[in-house]
């Protein structure tokens, strides 16, 4: 039981690292469009200017 619990904890820790958010840099001169959904055909709801 201890061994299976240990492996379960290790797997859960690994999963949280692989599915966590990542940081990206945006270098577009005209800013970053904020869209309603995560595809190019969705409506633009805002813009982050630099």
PDB file of N, CA and C in Angstrom:
ATOM      1  N   UNK A   1       0.813  -1.193   0.000  1.00  0.00           N
ATOM      2  CA  UNK A   1       0.000   0.000   0.000  1.00  0.00           C
ATOM      3  C   UNK A   1       0.859   1.262   0.000  1.00  0.00           C
ATOM      4  N   UNK A   2       1.942   1.256   0.786  1.00  0.00           N
ATOM      5  CA  UNK A   2       2.821   2.417   0.838  1.00  0.00           C
ATOM      6  C   UNK A   2       3.479   2.675  -0.520  1.00  0.00           C
ATOM      7  N   UNK A   3       3.874   1.588  -1.166  1.00  0.00           N
ATOM      8  CA  UNK A   3       4.577   1.728  -2.439  1.00  0.00           C
ATOM      9  C   UNK A   3       3.650   2.304  -3.510  1.00  0.00           C
ATOM     10  N   UNK A   4       2.408   1.844  -3.573  1.00  0.00           N
ATOM     11  CA  UNK A   4       1.467   2.348  -4.568  1.00  0.00           C
ATOM     12  C   UNK A   4       1.093   3.802  -4.273  1.00  0.00           C
ATOM     13  N   UNK A   5       0.998   4.173  -3.006  1.00  0.00           N
ATOM     14  CA  UNK A   5       0.706   5.562  -2.635  1.00  0.00           C
ATOM     15  C   UNK A   5       1.854   6.475  -3.042  1.00  0.00           C
ATOM     16  N   UNK A   6       3.077   6.014  -2.850  1.00  0.00           N
ATOM     17  CA  UNK A   6       4.250   6.787  -3.237  1.00  0.00           C
ATOM     18  C   UNK A   6       4.267   7.038  -4.743  1.00  0.00           C
ATOM     19  N   UNK A   7       4.012   6.005  -5.535  1.00  0.00           N
ATOM     20  CA  UNK A   7       3.996   6.159  -6.984  1.00  0.00           C
ATOM     21  C   UNK A   7       2.854   7.065  -7.441  1.00  0.00           C
ATOM     22  N   UNK A   8       1.715   6.995  -6.779  1.00  0.00           N
ATOM     23  CA  UNK A   8       0.589   7.859  -7.108  1.00  0.00           C
ATOM     24  C   UNK A   8       0.945   9.323  -6.864  1.00  0.00           C
ATOM     25  N   UNK A   9       1.604   9.602  -5.759  1.00  0.00           N
ATOM     26  CA  UNK A   9       2.016  10.979  -5.463  1.00  0.00           C
ATOM     27  C   UNK A   9       3.024  11.472  -6.485  1.00  0.00           C
ATOM     28  N   UNK A  10       3.975  10.642  -6.849  1.00  0.00           N
ATOM     29  CA  UNK A  10       4.983  11.021  -7.860  1.00  0.00           C
ATOM     30  C   UNK A  10       4.303  11.311  -9.200  1.00  0.00           C
ATOM     31  N   UNK A  11       3.371  10.485  -9.598  1.00  0.00           N
ATOM     32  CA  UNK A  11       2.664  10.684 -10.871  1.00  0.00           C
ATOM     33  C   UNK A  11       1.853  11.981 -10.841  1.00  0.00           C
ATOM     34  N   UNK A  12       1.172  12.238  -9.733  1.00  0.00           N
ATOM     35  CA  UNK A  12       0.390  13.474  -9.623  1.00  0.00           C
ATOM     36  C   UNK A  12       1.277  14.711  -9.671  1.00  0.00           C
ATOM     37  N   UNK A  13       2.426  14.665  -9.032  1.00  0.00           N
ATOM     38  CA  UNK A  13       3.360  15.793  -9.088  1.00  0.00           C
ATOM     39  C   UNK A  13       3.873  16.007 -10.503  1.00  0.00           C
ATOM     40  N   UNK A  14       4.147  14.933 -11.214  1.00  0.00           N
ATOM     41  CA  UNK A  14       4.607  15.031 -12.594  1.00  0.00           C
ATOM     42  C   UNK A  14       3.518  15.623 -13.484  1.00  0.00           C
ATOM     43  N   UNK A  15       2.270  15.205 -13.276  1.00  0.00           N
ATOM     44  CA  UNK A  15       1.158  15.685 -14.099  1.00  0.00           C
ATOM     45  C   UNK A  15       0.928  17.179 -13.897  1.00  0.00           C
ATOM     46  N   UNK A  16       1.044  17.673 -12.672  1.00  0.00           N
ATOM     47  CA  UNK A  16       0.827  19.102 -12.446  1.00  0.00           C
ATOM     48  C   UNK A  16       1.914  19.928 -13.121  1.00  0.00           C
ATOM     49  N   UNK A  17       3.103  19.419 -13.208  1.00  0.00           N
ATOM     50  CA  UNK A  17       4.186  20.147 -13.875  1.00  0.00           C
ATOM     51  C   UNK A  17       3.982  20.160 -15.383  1.00  0.00           C
ATOM     52  N   UNK A  18       3.559  19.061 -15.965  1.00  0.00           N
ATOM     53  CA  UNK A  18       3.431  18.999 -17.417  1.00  0.00           C
ATOM     54  C   UNK A  18       2.202  19.743 -17.930  1.00  0.00           C
ATOM     55  N   UNK A  19       1.167  19.896 -17.107  1.00  0.00           N
ATOM     56  CA  UNK A  19      -0.041  20.576 -17.556  1.00  0.00           C
ATOM     57  C   UNK A  19      -0.171  21.986 -16.984  1.00  0.00           C
ATOM     58  N   UNK A  20       0.867  22.522 -16.389  1.00  0.00           N
ATOM     59  CA  UNK A  20       0.800  23.869 -15.850  1.00  0.00           C
ATOM     60  C   UNK A  20       0.947  24.887 -16.978  1.00  0.00           C
ATOM     61  N   UNK A  21       0.608  26.124 -16.686  1.00  0.00           N
ATOM     62  CA  UNK A  21       0.682  27.171 -17.688  1.00  0.00           C
ATOM     63  C   UNK A  21       2.131  27.541 -17.954  1.00  0.00           C
ATOM     64  N   UNK A  22       2.370  27.997 -19.162  1.00  0.00           N
ATOM     65  CA  UNK A  22       3.704  28.425 -19.541  1.00  0.00           C
ATOM     66  C   UNK A  22       3.692  29.913 -19.844  1.00  0.00           C
ATOM     67  N   UNK A  23       4.835  30.553 -19.731  1.00  0.00           N
ATOM     68  CA  UNK A  23       4.959  31.984 -19.997  1.00  0.00           C
ATOM     69  C   UNK A  23       5.540  32.175 -21.396  1.00  0.00           C
ATOM     70  N   UNK A  24       4.881  33.018 -22.179  1.00  0.00           N
ATOM     71  CA  UNK A  24       5.336  33.327 -23.525  1.00  0.00           C
ATOM     72  C   UNK A  24       5.576  34.826 -23.646  1.00  0.00           C
ATOM     73  N   UNK A  25       6.488  35.220 -24.507  1.00  0.00           N
ATOM     74  CA  UNK A  25       6.748  36.622 -24.798  1.00  0.00           C
ATOM     75  C   UNK A  25       6.122  36.976 -26.125  1.00  0.00           C
ATOM     76  N   UNK A  26       5.464  38.140 -26.191  1.00  0.00           N
ATOM     77  CA  UNK A  26       4.857  38.621 -27.429  1.00  0.00           C
ATOM     78  C   UNK A  26       5.704  39.760 -27.951  1.00  0.00           C
ATOM     79  N   UNK A  27       6.108  39.652 -29.208  1.00  0.00           N
ATOM     80  CA  UNK A  27       6.956  40.687 -29.788  1.00  0.00           C
ATOM     81  C   UNK A  27       6.275  41.413 -30.946  1.00  0.00           C
ATOM     82  N   UNK A  28       4.959  41.303 -31.066  1.00  0.00           N
ATOM     83  CA  UNK A  28       4.230  41.976 -32.134  1.00  0.00           C
ATOM     84  C   UNK A  28       4.197  43.468 -31.866  1.00  0.00           C
ATOM     85  N   UNK A  29       4.459  44.280 -32.882  1.00  0.00           N
ATOM     86  CA  UNK A  29       4.480  45.733 -32.721  1.00  0.00           C
ATOM     87  C   UNK A  29       3.075  46.312 -32.558  1.00  0.00           C
ATOM     88  N   UNK A  30       2.060  45.642 -33.103  1.00  0.00           N
ATOM     89  CA  UNK A  30       0.701  46.180 -33.060  1.00  0.00           C
ATOM     90  C   UNK A  30      -0.108  45.660 -31.876  1.00  0.00           C
ATOM     91  N   UNK A  31       0.477  44.907 -30.974  1.00  0.00           N
ATOM     92  CA  UNK A  31      -0.216  44.452 -29.769  1.00  0.00           C
ATOM     93  C   UNK A  31      -0.713  43.020 -29.871  1.00  0.00           C
ATOM     94  N   UNK A  32      -1.538  42.654 -28.891  1.00  0.00           N
ATOM     95  CA  UNK A  32      -2.041  41.291 -28.780  1.00  0.00           C
ATOM     96  C   UNK A  32      -3.562  41.318 -28.757  1.00  0.00           C
ATOM     97  N   UNK A  33      -4.206  40.615 -29.700  1.00  0.00           N
ATOM     98  CA  UNK A  33      -5.666  40.544 -29.747  1.00  0.00           C
ATOM     99  C   UNK A  33      -6.181  39.549 -28.723  1.00  0.00           C
ATOM    100  N   UNK A  34      -7.240  39.934 -28.019  1.00  0.00           N
ATOM    101  CA  UNK A  34      -7.919  39.051 -27.072  1.00  0.00           C
ATOM    102  C   UNK A  34      -9.198  38.578 -27.750  1.00  0.00           C
ATOM    103  N   UNK A  35      -9.382  37.269 -27.855  1.00  0.00           N
ATOM    104  CA  UNK A  35     -10.534  36.707 -28.561  1.00  0.00           C
ATOM    105  C   UNK A  35     -11.479  35.994 -27.612  1.00  0.00           C
ATOM    106  N   UNK A  36     -12.729  35.827 -28.051  1.00  0.00           N
ATOM    107  CA  UNK A  36     -13.749  35.158 -27.250  1.00  0.00           C
ATOM    108  C   UNK A  36     -13.442  33.676 -27.067  1.00  0.00           C
ATOM    109  N   UNK A  37     -12.928  33.039 -28.101  1.00  0.00           N
ATOM    110  CA  UNK A  37     -12.557  31.625 -28.066  1.00  0.00           C
ATOM    111  C   UNK A  37     -11.129  31.474 -28.560  1.00  0.00           C
ATOM    112  N   UNK A  38     -10.612  30.288 -28.480  1.00  0.00           N
ATOM    113  CA  UNK A  38      -9.208  30.062 -28.847  1.00  0.00           C
ATOM    114  C   UNK A  38      -9.049  29.607 -30.288  1.00  0.00           C
ATOM    115  N   UNK A  39      -9.657  30.339 -31.220  1.00  0.00           N
ATOM    116  CA  UNK A  39      -9.422  30.070 -32.642  1.00  0.00           C
ATOM    117  C   UNK A  39      -9.411  31.386 -33.404  1.00  0.00           C
ATOM    118  N   UNK A  40      -8.857  31.376 -34.603  1.00  0.00           N
ATOM    119  CA  UNK A  40      -8.686  32.610 -35.374  1.00  0.00           C
ATOM    120  C   UNK A  40      -9.994  33.178 -35.909  1.00  0.00           C
ATOM    121  N   UNK A  41     -11.035  32.366 -36.001  1.00  0.00           N
ATOM    122  CA  UNK A  41     -12.311  32.829 -36.552  1.00  0.00           C
ATOM    123  C   UNK A  41     -13.217  33.457 -35.496  1.00  0.00           C
ATOM    124  N   UNK A  42     -12.836  33.406 -34.225  1.00  0.00           N
ATOM    125  CA  UNK A  42     -13.688  33.953 -33.169  1.00  0.00           C
ATOM    126  C   UNK A  42     -13.577  35.476 -33.117  1.00  0.00           C
ATOM    127  N   UNK A  43     -14.542  36.091 -32.461  1.00  0.00           N
ATOM    128  CA  UNK A  43     -14.636  37.547 -32.377  1.00  0.00           C
ATOM    129  C   UNK A  43     -13.531  38.117 -31.488  1.00  0.00           C
ATOM    130  N   UNK A  44     -12.941  39.230 -31.925  1.00  0.00           N
ATOM    131  CA  UNK A  44     -11.925  39.934 -31.118  1.00  0.00           C
ATOM    132  C   UNK A  44     -12.654  40.789 -30.095  1.00  0.00           C
ATOM    133  N   UNK A  45     -12.352  40.579 -28.816  1.00  0.00           N
ATOM    134  CA  UNK A  45     -13.040  41.327 -27.769  1.00  0.00           C
ATOM    135  C   UNK A  45     -12.202  42.452 -27.199  1.00  0.00           C
ATOM    136  N   UNK A  46     -10.921  42.454 -27.453  1.00  0.00           N
ATOM    137  CA  UNK A  46     -10.054  43.515 -26.929  1.00  0.00           C
ATOM    138  C   UNK A  46      -8.666  43.421 -27.503  1.00  0.00           C
ATOM    139  N   UNK A  47      -7.808  44.333 -27.054  1.00  0.00           N
ATOM    140  CA  UNK A  47      -6.441  44.370 -27.549  1.00  0.00           C
ATOM    141  C   UNK A  47      -5.526  44.887 -26.439  1.00  0.00           C
ATOM    142  N   UNK A  48      -4.391  44.242 -26.267  1.00  0.00           N
ATOM    143  CA  UNK A  48      -3.386  44.702 -25.313  1.00  0.00           C
ATOM    144  C   UNK A  48      -2.306  45.408 -26.115  1.00  0.00           C
ATOM    145  N   UNK A  49      -2.171  46.708 -25.885  1.00  0.00           N
ATOM    146  CA  UNK A  49      -1.172  47.497 -26.606  1.00  0.00           C
ATOM    147  C   UNK A  49       0.141  47.530 -25.833  1.00  0.00           C
ATOM    148  N   UNK A  50       1.243  47.720 -26.564  1.00  0.00           N
ATOM    149  CA  UNK A  50       2.560  47.796 -25.921  1.00  0.00           C
ATOM    150  C   UNK A  50       3.027  49.225 -25.995  1.00  0.00           C
TER     151      UNK A  50
END
